[in-house]
N, C-alpha and C. Protein backbone atom coordinates (compact mmCIF):
# COMPACT_ATOMS: atom_id res chain seq x y z
N MET A 1 -21.05 -2.64 -12.98
CA MET A 1 -20.38 -3.37 -11.91
C MET A 1 -21.34 -3.49 -10.73
N ASN A 2 -21.36 -4.66 -10.15
CA ASN A 2 -22.18 -4.95 -8.98
C ASN A 2 -21.33 -4.58 -7.75
N LEU A 3 -21.54 -3.39 -7.22
CA LEU A 3 -20.68 -2.89 -6.14
C LEU A 3 -20.70 -3.77 -4.89
N PRO A 4 -21.87 -4.23 -4.42
CA PRO A 4 -21.83 -5.11 -3.25
C PRO A 4 -21.04 -6.41 -3.50
N LEU A 5 -21.17 -6.98 -4.69
CA LEU A 5 -20.42 -8.20 -5.00
C LEU A 5 -18.93 -7.90 -5.12
N ALA A 6 -18.58 -6.79 -5.77
CA ALA A 6 -17.17 -6.40 -5.88
C ALA A 6 -16.56 -6.22 -4.49
N ARG A 7 -17.29 -5.57 -3.61
CA ARG A 7 -16.83 -5.36 -2.22
C ARG A 7 -16.61 -6.70 -1.54
N LYS A 8 -17.58 -7.59 -1.65
CA LYS A 8 -17.49 -8.91 -1.03
C LYS A 8 -16.26 -9.68 -1.54
N LEU A 9 -16.02 -9.65 -2.83
CA LEU A 9 -14.88 -10.36 -3.42
C LEU A 9 -13.55 -9.75 -2.98
N LEU A 10 -13.48 -8.44 -2.95
CA LEU A 10 -12.24 -7.78 -2.53
C LEU A 10 -11.95 -8.03 -1.05
N LEU A 11 -12.99 -7.95 -0.22
CA LEU A 11 -12.80 -8.23 1.21
C LEU A 11 -12.38 -9.68 1.43
N ALA A 12 -12.99 -10.61 0.70
CA ALA A 12 -12.62 -12.02 0.83
C ALA A 12 -11.18 -12.24 0.40
N THR A 13 -10.76 -11.55 -0.64
CA THR A 13 -9.38 -11.67 -1.12
C THR A 13 -8.40 -11.19 -0.06
N GLU A 14 -8.72 -10.07 0.58
CA GLU A 14 -7.85 -9.54 1.64
C GLU A 14 -7.67 -10.53 2.79
N GLN A 15 -8.67 -11.34 3.05
CA GLN A 15 -8.64 -12.25 4.19
C GLN A 15 -7.99 -13.60 3.87
N GLN A 16 -7.72 -13.87 2.59
CA GLN A 16 -7.14 -15.15 2.20
C GLN A 16 -5.63 -15.15 2.40
N PRO A 17 -5.06 -16.29 2.78
CA PRO A 17 -3.60 -16.39 2.82
C PRO A 17 -3.03 -16.12 1.42
N GLY A 18 -2.05 -15.29 1.35
CA GLY A 18 -1.48 -14.94 0.05
C GLY A 18 -2.32 -13.96 -0.74
N ARG A 19 -3.44 -13.55 -0.15
CA ARG A 19 -4.35 -12.59 -0.80
C ARG A 19 -4.71 -13.00 -2.22
N ARG A 20 -5.08 -14.25 -2.38
CA ARG A 20 -5.57 -14.79 -3.65
C ARG A 20 -6.93 -15.41 -3.41
N LEU A 21 -7.79 -15.31 -4.42
CA LEU A 21 -9.14 -15.83 -4.28
C LEU A 21 -9.54 -16.55 -5.55
N SER A 22 -10.10 -17.74 -5.41
CA SER A 22 -10.64 -18.48 -6.54
C SER A 22 -12.15 -18.61 -6.34
N VAL A 23 -12.90 -18.47 -7.42
CA VAL A 23 -14.36 -18.62 -7.37
C VAL A 23 -14.81 -19.63 -8.40
N ARG A 24 -16.01 -20.21 -8.16
CA ARG A 24 -16.58 -21.20 -9.07
C ARG A 24 -18.05 -20.90 -9.31
N ASP A 25 -18.40 -19.65 -9.50
CA ASP A 25 -19.77 -19.32 -9.88
C ASP A 25 -19.74 -18.21 -10.92
N ARG A 26 -20.70 -18.25 -11.81
CA ARG A 26 -20.72 -17.36 -12.97
C ARG A 26 -20.74 -15.88 -12.58
N ASP A 27 -21.57 -15.49 -11.63
CA ASP A 27 -21.67 -14.07 -11.26
C ASP A 27 -20.35 -13.54 -10.70
N SER A 28 -19.74 -14.30 -9.81
CA SER A 28 -18.46 -13.86 -9.24
C SER A 28 -17.37 -13.85 -10.30
N ALA A 29 -17.36 -14.85 -11.17
CA ALA A 29 -16.35 -14.90 -12.23
C ALA A 29 -16.50 -13.70 -13.16
N ARG A 30 -17.71 -13.37 -13.50
CA ARG A 30 -17.97 -12.21 -14.37
C ARG A 30 -17.54 -10.91 -13.68
N GLU A 31 -17.81 -10.81 -12.38
CA GLU A 31 -17.42 -9.61 -11.63
C GLU A 31 -15.90 -9.48 -11.56
N ILE A 32 -15.20 -10.59 -11.36
CA ILE A 32 -13.74 -10.56 -11.36
C ILE A 32 -13.22 -10.11 -12.71
N ARG A 33 -13.83 -10.57 -13.81
CA ARG A 33 -13.42 -10.13 -15.14
C ARG A 33 -13.57 -8.62 -15.26
N MET A 34 -14.66 -8.07 -14.76
CA MET A 34 -14.86 -6.61 -14.83
C MET A 34 -13.79 -5.88 -14.01
N MET A 35 -13.45 -6.44 -12.85
CA MET A 35 -12.44 -5.80 -12.01
C MET A 35 -11.05 -5.90 -12.65
N ILE A 36 -10.77 -7.01 -13.33
CA ILE A 36 -9.51 -7.13 -14.07
C ILE A 36 -9.45 -6.06 -15.16
N ASP A 37 -10.53 -5.97 -15.93
CA ASP A 37 -10.59 -5.01 -17.04
C ASP A 37 -10.49 -3.56 -16.55
N ALA A 38 -10.98 -3.29 -15.34
CA ALA A 38 -10.93 -1.94 -14.77
C ALA A 38 -9.60 -1.64 -14.09
N GLY A 39 -8.72 -2.64 -14.00
CA GLY A 39 -7.42 -2.43 -13.38
C GLY A 39 -7.44 -2.47 -11.86
N LEU A 40 -8.51 -3.01 -11.29
CA LEU A 40 -8.63 -3.08 -9.84
C LEU A 40 -7.92 -4.29 -9.25
N VAL A 41 -7.82 -5.35 -10.04
CA VAL A 41 -7.15 -6.58 -9.61
C VAL A 41 -6.36 -7.15 -10.79
N GLN A 42 -5.40 -7.99 -10.45
CA GLN A 42 -4.76 -8.83 -11.45
C GLN A 42 -5.31 -10.22 -11.22
N GLY A 43 -5.66 -10.89 -12.30
CA GLY A 43 -6.25 -12.21 -12.15
C GLY A 43 -6.39 -12.90 -13.48
N LYS A 44 -7.21 -13.95 -13.47
CA LYS A 44 -7.46 -14.67 -14.71
C LYS A 44 -8.85 -15.28 -14.69
N GLY A 45 -9.36 -15.49 -15.90
CA GLY A 45 -10.67 -16.09 -16.08
C GLY A 45 -11.75 -15.03 -16.14
N PRO A 46 -12.95 -15.40 -16.32
CA PRO A 46 -13.39 -16.69 -16.83
C PRO A 46 -13.07 -16.83 -18.32
N THR A 47 -13.22 -18.02 -18.84
CA THR A 47 -12.99 -18.28 -20.26
C THR A 47 -14.29 -18.77 -20.88
N GLU A 48 -14.35 -18.78 -22.19
CA GLU A 48 -15.53 -19.32 -22.86
C GLU A 48 -15.72 -20.79 -22.49
N ARG A 49 -14.63 -21.49 -22.36
CA ARG A 49 -14.68 -22.91 -22.02
C ARG A 49 -15.13 -23.16 -20.58
N ASP A 50 -14.77 -22.24 -19.70
CA ASP A 50 -15.15 -22.36 -18.29
C ASP A 50 -15.60 -21.01 -17.75
N PRO A 51 -16.87 -20.66 -17.98
CA PRO A 51 -17.37 -19.35 -17.56
C PRO A 51 -17.63 -19.24 -16.05
N TYR A 52 -17.39 -20.32 -15.32
CA TYR A 52 -17.69 -20.33 -13.89
C TYR A 52 -16.47 -20.13 -13.00
N SER A 53 -15.26 -20.14 -13.57
CA SER A 53 -14.04 -20.06 -12.77
C SER A 53 -13.29 -18.76 -13.04
N ALA A 54 -12.78 -18.17 -11.97
CA ALA A 54 -11.91 -17.00 -12.09
C ALA A 54 -11.09 -16.91 -10.81
N GLN A 55 -9.99 -16.17 -10.91
CA GLN A 55 -9.12 -15.98 -9.76
C GLN A 55 -8.68 -14.53 -9.67
N ILE A 56 -8.61 -14.04 -8.44
CA ILE A 56 -7.93 -12.79 -8.15
C ILE A 56 -6.56 -13.18 -7.64
N LEU A 57 -5.52 -12.70 -8.32
CA LEU A 57 -4.16 -13.01 -7.93
C LEU A 57 -3.57 -11.95 -7.03
N THR A 58 -3.99 -10.72 -7.22
CA THR A 58 -3.56 -9.62 -6.36
C THR A 58 -4.50 -8.43 -6.55
N ILE A 59 -4.62 -7.63 -5.53
CA ILE A 59 -5.39 -6.38 -5.62
C ILE A 59 -4.39 -5.28 -5.94
N THR A 60 -4.68 -4.50 -6.97
CA THR A 60 -3.78 -3.41 -7.36
C THR A 60 -3.94 -2.22 -6.41
N ASP A 61 -3.06 -1.25 -6.54
CA ASP A 61 -3.17 -0.03 -5.73
C ASP A 61 -4.52 0.65 -5.99
N GLU A 62 -4.94 0.67 -7.25
CA GLU A 62 -6.25 1.26 -7.58
C GLU A 62 -7.37 0.46 -6.93
N GLY A 63 -7.21 -0.85 -6.89
CA GLY A 63 -8.21 -1.71 -6.26
C GLY A 63 -8.30 -1.46 -4.76
N LEU A 64 -7.16 -1.22 -4.12
CA LEU A 64 -7.17 -0.91 -2.69
C LEU A 64 -7.86 0.43 -2.42
N LYS A 65 -7.64 1.41 -3.27
CA LYS A 65 -8.35 2.70 -3.14
C LYS A 65 -9.84 2.50 -3.31
N PHE A 66 -10.21 1.70 -4.32
CA PHE A 66 -11.61 1.39 -4.59
C PHE A 66 -12.24 0.69 -3.38
N LEU A 67 -11.54 -0.26 -2.80
CA LEU A 67 -12.04 -0.98 -1.65
C LEU A 67 -12.24 -0.05 -0.45
N ARG A 68 -11.35 0.87 -0.24
CA ARG A 68 -11.53 1.85 0.86
C ARG A 68 -12.83 2.62 0.67
N ALA A 69 -13.15 2.96 -0.57
CA ALA A 69 -14.38 3.69 -0.84
C ALA A 69 -15.62 2.80 -0.65
N LEU A 70 -15.47 1.48 -0.85
CA LEU A 70 -16.59 0.57 -0.74
C LEU A 70 -16.84 0.03 0.66
N ARG A 71 -15.90 0.21 1.55
CA ARG A 71 -15.99 -0.42 2.89
C ARG A 71 -17.28 -0.09 3.62
N ASP A 72 -17.83 1.09 3.40
CA ASP A 72 -19.02 1.49 4.14
C ASP A 72 -20.33 1.02 3.50
N LEU A 73 -20.25 0.35 2.35
CA LEU A 73 -21.48 -0.16 1.74
C LEU A 73 -22.06 -1.29 2.58
N PRO A 74 -23.38 -1.36 2.66
CA PRO A 74 -23.98 -2.50 3.37
C PRO A 74 -23.76 -3.79 2.59
N GLY A 75 -23.72 -4.88 3.32
CA GLY A 75 -23.71 -6.17 2.66
C GLY A 75 -22.46 -6.90 2.77
């Protein structure tokens, strides 16, 4: 997991209305998939057909704990 990117995505999600985030780049989409698989967020994507798109639909309680631990990372 790319911790600085995960932090950036989680912080961006917190700041969005409705706390949802959509991305259109491969690295972010792949990171969201890892966070979904780890139980940090609920979301969807990327797919084989569209490896560049993913969404965070909500941050889970575990994701919020994870974000608290990441807040002090630079970047």
